[in-house]
Amino acid sequence: MTEAEAEAYRTGTDKDTGLERYATLDALGQTRLDLARMKEAGTVVRGEIGHDPEVTSLDLEAKTPTANRVDERVVSLAGVAFSPVSR
């Protein structure tokens, strides 16, 4: 999904990116909302879009193994940098 999402942000539309094939309905809706807001604001993505995930904790001994991560996602929108996103 990352490549399709990056292409959507680079072009300003999810058309012909294949994003609907890879994204959940919620993720697709959020991306489309982001793209609409970018269009309204007249912003564009310049440079590379990427992720730099880091696992901050891992518990493989738990009944249900768990992991936490932080994803430093940096996107430059017409000179305004947005980062990081933590999930």
PDB file of N, CA and C in Angstrom:
ATOM      1  N   MET A   1       0.819  -1.191   0.000  1.00  0.00           N
ATOM      2  CA  MET A   1       0.000   0.000   0.000  1.00  0.00           C
ATOM      3  C   MET A   1       0.861   1.252   0.000  1.00  0.00           C
ATOM      4  N   THR A   2       2.028   1.215   0.615  1.00  0.00           N
ATOM      5  CA  THR A   2       2.856   2.403   0.756  1.00  0.00           C
ATOM      6  C   THR A   2       3.178   3.042  -0.595  1.00  0.00           C
ATOM      7  N   GLU A   3       3.547   2.238  -1.576  1.00  0.00           N
ATOM      8  CA  GLU A   3       3.874   2.789  -2.892  1.00  0.00           C
ATOM      9  C   GLU A   3       2.658   3.425  -3.547  1.00  0.00           C
ATOM     10  N   ALA A   4       1.510   2.780  -3.458  1.00  0.00           N
ATOM     11  CA  ALA A   4       0.286   3.330  -4.039  1.00  0.00           C
ATOM     12  C   ALA A   4      -0.117   4.612  -3.322  1.00  0.00           C
ATOM     13  N   GLU A   5       0.027   4.634  -1.999  1.00  0.00           N
ATOM     14  CA  GLU A   5      -0.296   5.828  -1.217  1.00  0.00           C
ATOM     15  C   GLU A   5       0.648   6.974  -1.587  1.00  0.00           C
ATOM     16  N   ALA A   6       1.927   6.692  -1.703  1.00  0.00           N
ATOM     17  CA  ALA A   6       2.902   7.717  -2.074  1.00  0.00           C
ATOM     18  C   ALA A   6       2.579   8.289  -3.449  1.00  0.00           C
ATOM     19  N   GLU A   7       2.218   7.425  -4.379  1.00  0.00           N
ATOM     20  CA  GLU A   7       1.862   7.882  -5.725  1.00  0.00           C
ATOM     21  C   GLU A   7       0.635   8.786  -5.685  1.00  0.00           C
ATOM     22  N   ALA A   8      -0.349   8.442  -4.858  1.00  0.00           N
ATOM     23  CA  ALA A   8      -1.548   9.274  -4.728  1.00  0.00           C
ATOM     24  C   ALA A   8      -1.188  10.667  -4.205  1.00  0.00           C
ATOM     25  N   TYR A   9      -0.324  10.738  -3.207  1.00  0.00           N
ATOM     26  CA  TYR A   9       0.076  12.037  -2.670  1.00  0.00           C
ATOM     27  C   TYR A   9       0.925  12.822  -3.669  1.00  0.00           C
ATOM     28  N   ARG A  10       1.759  12.135  -4.448  1.00  0.00           N
ATOM     29  CA  ARG A  10       2.583  12.828  -5.450  1.00  0.00           C
ATOM     30  C   ARG A  10       1.733  13.417  -6.572  1.00  0.00           C
ATOM     31  N   THR A  11       0.685  12.685  -6.974  1.00  0.00           N
ATOM     32  CA  THR A  11      -0.136  13.128  -8.101  1.00  0.00           C
ATOM     33  C   THR A  11      -1.352  13.934  -7.677  1.00  0.00           C
ATOM     34  N   GLY A  12      -1.714  13.849  -6.393  1.00  0.00           N
ATOM     35  CA  GLY A  12      -2.880  14.581  -5.906  1.00  0.00           C
ATOM     36  C   GLY A  12      -4.190  13.853  -6.116  1.00  0.00           C
ATOM     37  N   THR A  13      -4.118  12.613  -6.577  1.00  0.00           N
ATOM     38  CA  THR A  13      -5.331  11.813  -6.777  1.00  0.00           C
ATOM     39  C   THR A  13      -4.991  10.336  -6.588  1.00  0.00           C
ATOM     40  N   ASP A  14      -5.998   9.561  -6.182  1.00  0.00           N
ATOM     41  CA  ASP A  14      -5.761   8.123  -6.041  1.00  0.00           C
ATOM     42  C   ASP A  14      -6.108   7.383  -7.328  1.00  0.00           C
ATOM     43  N   LYS A  15      -6.548   8.111  -8.349  1.00  0.00           N
ATOM     44  CA  LYS A  15      -6.911   7.496  -9.625  1.00  0.00           C
ATOM     45  C   LYS A  15      -5.684   6.822 -10.251  1.00  0.00           C
ATOM     46  N   ASP A  16      -5.874   5.604 -10.692  1.00  0.00           N
ATOM     47  CA  ASP A  16      -4.844   4.809 -11.367  1.00  0.00           C
ATOM     48  C   ASP A  16      -3.630   4.495 -10.496  1.00  0.00           C
ATOM     49  N   THR A  17      -3.783   4.541  -9.173  1.00  0.00           N
ATOM     50  CA  THR A  17      -2.672   4.197  -8.282  1.00  0.00           C
ATOM     51  C   THR A  17      -2.783   2.768  -7.763  1.00  0.00           C
ATOM     52  N   GLY A  18      -3.980   2.182  -7.822  1.00  0.00           N
ATOM     53  CA  GLY A  18      -4.207   0.855  -7.276  1.00  0.00           C
ATOM     54  C   GLY A  18      -4.444   0.885  -5.773  1.00  0.00           C
ATOM     55  N   LEU A  19      -4.549   2.083  -5.204  1.00  0.00           N
ATOM     56  CA  LEU A  19      -4.710   2.209  -3.754  1.00  0.00           C
ATOM     57  C   LEU A  19      -5.940   1.470  -3.246  1.00  0.00           C
ATOM     58  N   GLU A  20      -7.034   1.531  -3.990  1.00  0.00           N
ATOM     59  CA  GLU A  20      -8.259   0.857  -3.538  1.00  0.00           C
ATOM     60  C   GLU A  20      -8.078  -0.655  -3.454  1.00  0.00           C
ATOM     61  N   ARG A  21      -7.086  -1.177  -4.153  1.00  0.00           N
ATOM     62  CA  ARG A  21      -6.818  -2.616  -4.118  1.00  0.00           C
ATOM     63  C   ARG A  21      -6.121  -3.026  -2.818  1.00  0.00           C
ATOM     64  N   TYR A  22      -5.314  -2.131  -2.259  1.00  0.00           N
ATOM     65  CA  TYR A  22      -4.489  -2.462  -1.107  1.00  0.00           C
ATOM     66  C   TYR A  22      -4.975  -1.878   0.224  1.00  0.00           C
ATOM     67  N   ALA A  23      -5.689  -0.778   0.177  1.00  0.00           N
ATOM     68  CA  ALA A  23      -6.074  -0.069   1.400  1.00  0.00           C
ATOM     69  C   ALA A  23      -7.386  -0.594   1.969  1.00  0.00           C
ATOM     70  N   THR A  24      -7.498  -0.527   3.287  1.00  0.00           N
ATOM     71  CA  THR A  24      -8.790  -0.811   3.908  1.00  0.00           C
ATOM     72  C   THR A  24      -9.718   0.341   3.562  1.00  0.00           C
ATOM     73  N   LEU A  25     -10.996   0.148   3.778  1.00  0.00           N
ATOM     74  CA  LEU A  25     -11.963   1.198   3.479  1.00  0.00           C
ATOM     75  C   LEU A  25     -11.659   2.458   4.294  1.00  0.00           C
ATOM     76  N   ASP A  26     -11.305   2.284   5.578  1.00  0.00           N
ATOM     77  CA  ASP A  26     -10.974   3.441   6.423  1.00  0.00           C
ATOM     78  C   ASP A  26      -9.729   4.163   5.921  1.00  0.00           C
ATOM     79  N   ALA A  27      -8.691   3.409   5.571  1.00  0.00           N
ATOM     80  CA  ALA A  27      -7.447   4.020   5.089  1.00  0.00           C
ATOM     81  C   ALA A  27      -7.677   4.732   3.756  1.00  0.00           C
ATOM     82  N   LEU A  28      -8.455   4.131   2.879  1.00  0.00           N
ATOM     83  CA  LEU A  28      -8.756   4.753   1.592  1.00  0.00           C
ATOM     84  C   LEU A  28      -9.534   6.049   1.790  1.00  0.00           C
ATOM     85  N   GLY A  29     -10.506   6.009   2.683  1.00  0.00           N
ATOM     86  CA  GLY A  29     -11.286   7.210   2.976  1.00  0.00           C
ATOM     87  C   GLY A  29     -10.422   8.328   3.549  1.00  0.00           C
ATOM     88  N   GLN A  30      -9.505   7.981   4.451  1.00  0.00           N
ATOM     89  CA  GLN A  30      -8.624   8.978   5.060  1.00  0.00           C
ATOM     90  C   GLN A  30      -7.687   9.584   4.016  1.00  0.00           C
ATOM     91  N   THR A  31      -7.164   8.751   3.141  1.00  0.00           N
ATOM     92  CA  THR A  31      -6.282   9.247   2.090  1.00  0.00           C
ATOM     93  C   THR A  31      -7.038  10.170   1.149  1.00  0.00           C
ATOM     94  N   ARG A  32      -8.232   9.785   0.777  1.00  0.00           N
ATOM     95  CA  ARG A  32      -9.032  10.644  -0.106  1.00  0.00           C
ATOM     96  C   ARG A  32      -9.373  11.959   0.573  1.00  0.00           C
ATOM     97  N   LEU A  33      -9.655  11.925   1.861  1.00  0.00           N
ATOM     98  CA  LEU A  33      -9.913  13.151   2.603  1.00  0.00           C
ATOM     99  C   LEU A  33      -8.667  14.031   2.639  1.00  0.00           C
ATOM    100  N   ASP A  34      -7.514  13.421   2.894  1.00  0.00           N
ATOM    101  CA  ASP A  34      -6.249  14.165   2.882  1.00  0.00           C
ATOM    102  C   ASP A  34      -6.022  14.823   1.524  1.00  0.00           C
ATOM    103  N   LEU A  35      -6.247  14.076   0.452  1.00  0.00           N
ATOM    104  CA  LEU A  35      -6.040  14.610  -0.894  1.00  0.00           C
ATOM    105  C   LEU A  35      -6.981  15.769  -1.182  1.00  0.00           C
ATOM    106  N   ALA A  36      -8.241  15.662  -0.737  1.00  0.00           N
ATOM    107  CA  ALA A  36      -9.200  16.755  -0.943  1.00  0.00           C
ATOM    108  C   ALA A  36      -8.773  18.002  -0.169  1.00  0.00           C
ATOM    109  N   ARG A  37      -8.303  17.810   1.068  1.00  0.00           N
ATOM    110  CA  ARG A  37      -7.845  18.947   1.872  1.00  0.00           C
ATOM    111  C   ARG A  37      -6.604  19.595   1.256  1.00  0.00           C
ATOM    112  N   MET A  38      -5.712  18.768   0.732  1.00  0.00           N
ATOM    113  CA  MET A  38      -4.521  19.300   0.069  1.00  0.00           C
ATOM    114  C   MET A  38      -4.919  20.129  -1.151  1.00  0.00           C
ATOM    115  N   LYS A  39      -5.880  19.632  -1.912  1.00  0.00           N
ATOM    116  CA  LYS A  39      -6.333  20.350  -3.105  1.00  0.00           C
ATOM    117  C   LYS A  39      -6.941  21.691  -2.710  1.00  0.00           C
ATOM    118  N   GLU A  40      -7.787  21.686  -1.673  1.00  0.00           N
ATOM    119  CA  GLU A  40      -8.399  22.927  -1.182  1.00  0.00           C
ATOM    120  C   GLU A  40      -7.348  23.937  -0.739  1.00  0.00           C
ATOM    121  N   ALA A  41      -6.297  23.444  -0.078  1.00  0.00           N
ATOM    122  CA  ALA A  41      -5.256  24.324   0.463  1.00  0.00           C
ATOM    123  C   ALA A  41      -4.209  24.693  -0.589  1.00  0.00           C
ATOM    124  N   GLY A  42      -4.259  24.017  -1.739  1.00  0.00           N
ATOM    125  CA  GLY A  42      -3.283  24.288  -2.782  1.00  0.00           C
ATOM    126  C   GLY A  42      -1.893  23.770  -2.467  1.00  0.00           C
ATOM    127  N   THR A  43      -1.818  22.707  -1.658  1.00  0.00           N
ATOM    128  CA  THR A  43      -0.525  22.125  -1.304  1.00  0.00           C
ATOM    129  C   THR A  43      -0.188  20.955  -2.211  1.00  0.00           C
ATOM    130  N   VAL A  44       1.083  20.715  -2.375  1.00  0.00           N
ATOM    131  CA  VAL A  44       1.563  19.590  -3.167  1.00  0.00           C
ATOM    132  C   VAL A  44       2.676  18.902  -2.411  1.00  0.00           C
ATOM    133  N   VAL A  45       2.895  17.644  -2.723  1.00  0.00           N
ATOM    134  CA  VAL A  45       3.988  16.890  -2.116  1.00  0.00           C
ATOM    135  C   VAL A  45       5.204  17.038  -3.007  1.00  0.00           C
ATOM    136  N   ARG A  46       6.319  17.376  -2.392  1.00  0.00           N
ATOM    137  CA  ARG A  46       7.585  17.464  -3.118  1.00  0.00           C
ATOM    138  C   ARG A  46       8.585  16.557  -2.424  1.00  0.00           C
ATOM    139  N   GLY A  47       9.452  15.949  -3.175  1.00  0.00           N
ATOM    140  CA  GLY A  47      10.438  15.064  -2.577  1.00  0.00           C
ATOM    141  C   GLY A  47       9.860  13.681  -2.346  1.00  0.00           C
ATOM    142  N   GLU A  48      10.578  12.917  -1.583  1.00  0.00           N
ATOM    143  CA  GLU A  48      10.190  11.537  -1.319  1.00  0.00           C
ATOM    144  C   GLU A  48       9.266  11.438  -0.116  1.00  0.00           C
ATOM    145  N   ILE A  49       8.388  10.490  -0.185  1.00  0.00           N
ATOM    146  CA  ILE A  49       7.514  10.155   0.925  1.00  0.00           C
ATOM    147  C   ILE A  49       8.012   8.822   1.453  1.00  0.00           C
ATOM    148  N   GLY A  50       8.169   8.723   2.738  1.00  0.00           N
ATOM    149  CA  GLY A  50       8.674   7.468   3.256  1.00  0.00           C
ATOM    150  C   GLY A  50       8.301   7.221   4.700  1.00  0.00           C
ATOM    151  N   HIS A  51       8.638   6.049   5.139  1.00  0.00           N
ATOM    152  CA  HIS A  51       8.408   5.626   6.509  1.00  0.00           C
ATOM    153  C   HIS A  51       9.730   5.158   7.090  1.00  0.00           C
ATOM    154  N   ASP A  52       9.873   5.335   8.373  1.00  0.00           N
ATOM    155  CA  ASP A  52      11.065   4.866   9.073  1.00  0.00           C
ATOM    156  C   ASP A  52      10.608   4.238  10.383  1.00  0.00           C
ATOM    157  N   PRO A  53       9.977   3.054  10.303  1.00  0.00           N
ATOM    158  CA  PRO A  53       9.426   2.447  11.514  1.00  0.00           C
ATOM    159  C   PRO A  53      10.513   1.935  12.461  1.00  0.00           C
ATOM    160  N   GLU A  54      10.206   2.020  13.747  1.00  0.00           N
ATOM    161  CA  GLU A  54      11.106   1.511  14.778  1.00  0.00           C
ATOM    162  C   GLU A  54      10.275   0.784  15.821  1.00  0.00           C
ATOM    163  N   VAL A  55      10.614  -0.456  16.098  1.00  0.00           N
ATOM    164  CA  VAL A  55       9.932  -1.223  17.140  1.00  0.00           C
ATOM    165  C   VAL A  55      10.441  -0.714  18.482  1.00  0.00           C
ATOM    166  N   THR A  56       9.506  -0.244  19.328  1.00  0.00           N
ATOM    167  CA  THR A  56       9.893   0.314  20.620  1.00  0.00           C
ATOM    168  C   THR A  56       9.765  -0.681  21.757  1.00  0.00           C
ATOM    169  N   SER A  57       8.953  -1.728  21.565  1.00  0.00           N
ATOM    170  CA  SER A  57       8.875  -2.791  22.561  1.00  0.00           C
ATOM    171  C   SER A  57       8.333  -4.051  21.891  1.00  0.00           C
ATOM    172  N   LEU A  58       8.739  -5.187  22.445  1.00  0.00           N
ATOM    173  CA  LEU A  58       8.345  -6.472  21.890  1.00  0.00           C
ATOM    174  C   LEU A  58       8.210  -7.463  23.039  1.00  0.00           C
ATOM    175  N   ASP A  59       7.050  -8.121  23.117  1.00  0.00           N
ATOM    176  CA  ASP A  59       6.827  -9.116  24.160  1.00  0.00           C
ATOM    177  C   ASP A  59       6.363 -10.405  23.500  1.00  0.00           C
ATOM    178  N   LEU A  60       7.297 -11.304  23.264  1.00  0.00           N
ATOM    179  CA  LEU A  60       6.976 -12.574  22.630  1.00  0.00           C
ATOM    180  C   LEU A  60       6.564 -13.638  23.646  1.00  0.00           C
ATOM    181  N   GLU A  61       6.719 -13.340  24.937  1.00  0.00           N
ATOM    182  CA  GLU A  61       6.372 -14.288  25.992  1.00  0.00           C
ATOM    183  C   GLU A  61       4.912 -14.174  26.426  1.00  0.00           C
ATOM    184  N   ALA A  62       4.236 -13.100  26.070  1.00  0.00           N
ATOM    185  CA  ALA A  62       2.840 -12.902  26.459  1.00  0.00           C
ATOM    186  C   ALA A  62       1.952 -13.951  25.788  1.00  0.00           C
ATOM    187  N   LYS A  63       0.781 -14.180  26.369  1.00  0.00           N
ATOM    188  CA  LYS A  63      -0.159 -15.141  25.787  1.00  0.00           C
ATOM    189  C   LYS A  63      -0.451 -14.758  24.337  1.00  0.00           C
ATOM    190  N   THR A  64      -0.677 -13.487  24.122  1.00  0.00           N
ATOM    191  CA  THR A  64      -0.790 -12.942  22.769  1.00  0.00           C
ATOM    192  C   THR A  64       0.400 -12.015  22.584  1.00  0.00           C
ATOM    193  N   PRO A  65       1.403 -12.430  21.810  1.00  0.00           N
ATOM    194  CA  PRO A  65       2.593 -11.579  21.625  1.00  0.00           C
ATOM    195  C   PRO A  65       2.210 -10.184  21.136  1.00  0.00           C
ATOM    196  N   THR A  66       2.921  -9.184  21.636  1.00  0.00           N
ATOM    197  CA  THR A  66       2.636  -7.804  21.275  1.00  0.00           C
ATOM    198  C   THR A  66       3.899  -7.072  20.856  1.00  0.00           C
ATOM    199  N   ALA A  67       3.693  -6.049  20.062  1.00  0.00           N
ATOM    200  CA  ALA A  67       4.790  -5.172  19.646  1.00  0.00           C
ATOM    201  C   ALA A  67       4.246  -3.763  19.533  1.00  0.00           C
ATOM    202  N   ASN A  68       5.060  -2.795  19.868  1.00  0.00           N
ATOM    203  CA  ASN A  68       4.720  -1.389  19.678  1.00  0.00           C
ATOM    204  C   ASN A  68       5.756  -0.795  18.748  1.00  0.00           C
ATOM    205  N   ARG A  69       5.316   0.151  17.935  1.00  0.00           N
ATOM    206  CA  ARG A  69       6.243   0.793  17.020  1.00  0.00           C
ATOM    207  C   ARG A  69       5.946   2.277  16.905  1.00  0.00           C
ATOM    208  N   VAL A  70       6.947   2.992  16.492  1.00  0.00           N
ATOM    209  CA  VAL A  70       6.808   4.402  16.157  1.00  0.00           C
ATOM    210  C   VAL A  70       7.223   4.518  14.700  1.00  0.00           C
ATOM    211  N   ASP A  71       6.445   5.251  13.933  1.00  0.00           N
ATOM    212  CA  ASP A  71       6.748   5.420  12.514  1.00  0.00           C
ATOM    213  C   ASP A  71       7.000   6.893  12.247  1.00  0.00           C
ATOM    214  N   GLU A  72       8.244   7.234  12.050  1.00  0.00           N
ATOM    215  CA  GLU A  72       8.616   8.609  11.740  1.00  0.00           C
ATOM    216  C   GLU A  72       8.365   8.817  10.257  1.00  0.00           C
ATOM    217  N   ARG A  73       7.222   9.407   9.955  1.00  0.00           N
ATOM    218  CA  ARG A  73       6.839   9.621   8.565  1.00  0.00           C
ATOM    219  C   ARG A  73       6.992  11.102   8.274  1.00  0.00           C
ATOM    220  N   VAL A  74       7.812  11.410   7.324  1.00  0.00           N
ATOM    221  CA  VAL A  74       8.058  12.804   6.991  1.00  0.00           C
ATOM    222  C   VAL A  74       7.526  13.073   5.590  1.00  0.00           C
ATOM    223  N   VAL A  75       6.659  14.058   5.500  1.00  0.00           N
ATOM    224  CA  VAL A  75       6.086  14.469   4.223  1.00  0.00           C
ATOM    225  C   VAL A  75       6.262  15.968   4.106  1.00  0.00           C
ATOM    226  N   SER A  76       6.808  16.411   3.020  1.00  0.00           N
ATOM    227  CA  SER A  76       6.971  17.845   2.806  1.00  0.00           C
ATOM    228  C   SER A  76       5.859  18.329   1.899  1.00  0.00           C
ATOM    229  N   LEU A  77       5.009  19.208   2.411  1.00  0.00           N
ATOM    230  CA  LEU A  77       3.905  19.757   1.632  1.00  0.00           C
ATOM    231  C   LEU A  77       4.188  21.222   1.352  1.00  0.00           C
ATOM    232  N   ALA A  78       4.622  21.501   0.154  1.00  0.00           N
ATOM    233  CA  ALA A  78       4.906  22.868  -0.280  1.00  0.00           C
ATOM    234  C   ALA A  78       5.719  23.619   0.756  1.00  0.00           C
ATOM    235  N   GLY A  79       6.771  22.991   1.225  1.00  0.00           N
ATOM    236  CA  GLY A  79       7.671  23.660   2.146  1.00  0.00           C
ATOM    237  C   GLY A  79       7.329  23.506   3.612  1.00  0.00           C
ATOM    238  N   VAL A  80       6.209  22.891   3.937  1.00  0.00           N
ATOM    239  CA  VAL A  80       5.831  22.685   5.334  1.00  0.00           C
ATOM    240  C   VAL A  80       6.031  21.214   5.656  1.00  0.00           C
ATOM    241  N   ALA A  81       6.895  20.918   6.603  1.00  0.00           N
ATOM    242  CA  ALA A  81       7.178  19.519   6.935  1.00  0.00           C
ATOM    243  C   ALA A  81       6.264  19.052   8.050  1.00  0.00           C
ATOM    244  N   PHE A  82       5.676  17.894   7.872  1.00  0.00           N
ATOM    245  CA  PHE A  82       4.820  17.280   8.877  1.00  0.00           C
ATOM    246  C   PHE A  82       5.498  16.018   9.368  1.00  0.00           C
ATOM    247  N   SER A  83       5.779  15.938  10.670  1.00  0.00           N
ATOM    248  CA  SER A  83       6.366  14.732  11.237  1.00  0.00           C
ATOM    249  C   SER A  83       6.328  14.849  12.746  1.00  0.00           C
ATOM    250  N   PRO A  84       6.489  13.828  13.492  1.00  0.00           N
ATOM    251  CA  PRO A  84       6.314  12.419  13.129  1.00  0.00           C
ATOM    252  C   PRO A  84       4.881  11.989  13.365  1.00  0.00           C
ATOM    253  N   VAL A  85       4.556  10.811  12.893  1.00  0.00           N
ATOM    254  CA  VAL A  85       3.266  10.189  13.142  1.00  0.00           C
ATOM    255  C   VAL A  85       3.537   8.988  14.016  1.00  0.00           C
ATOM    256  N   SER A  86       2.889   8.921  15.150  1.00  0.00           N
ATOM    257  CA  SER A  86       3.091   7.801  16.058  1.00  0.00           C
ATOM    258  C   SER A  86       1.806   7.007  16.148  1.00  0.00           C
ATOM    259  N   ARG A  87       1.892   5.707  15.920  1.00  0.00           N
ATOM    260  CA  ARG A  87       0.696   4.847  15.972  1.00  0.00           C
ATOM    261  C   ARG A  87       0.965   3.640  16.803  1.00  0.00           C
TER     262      ARG A  87
END
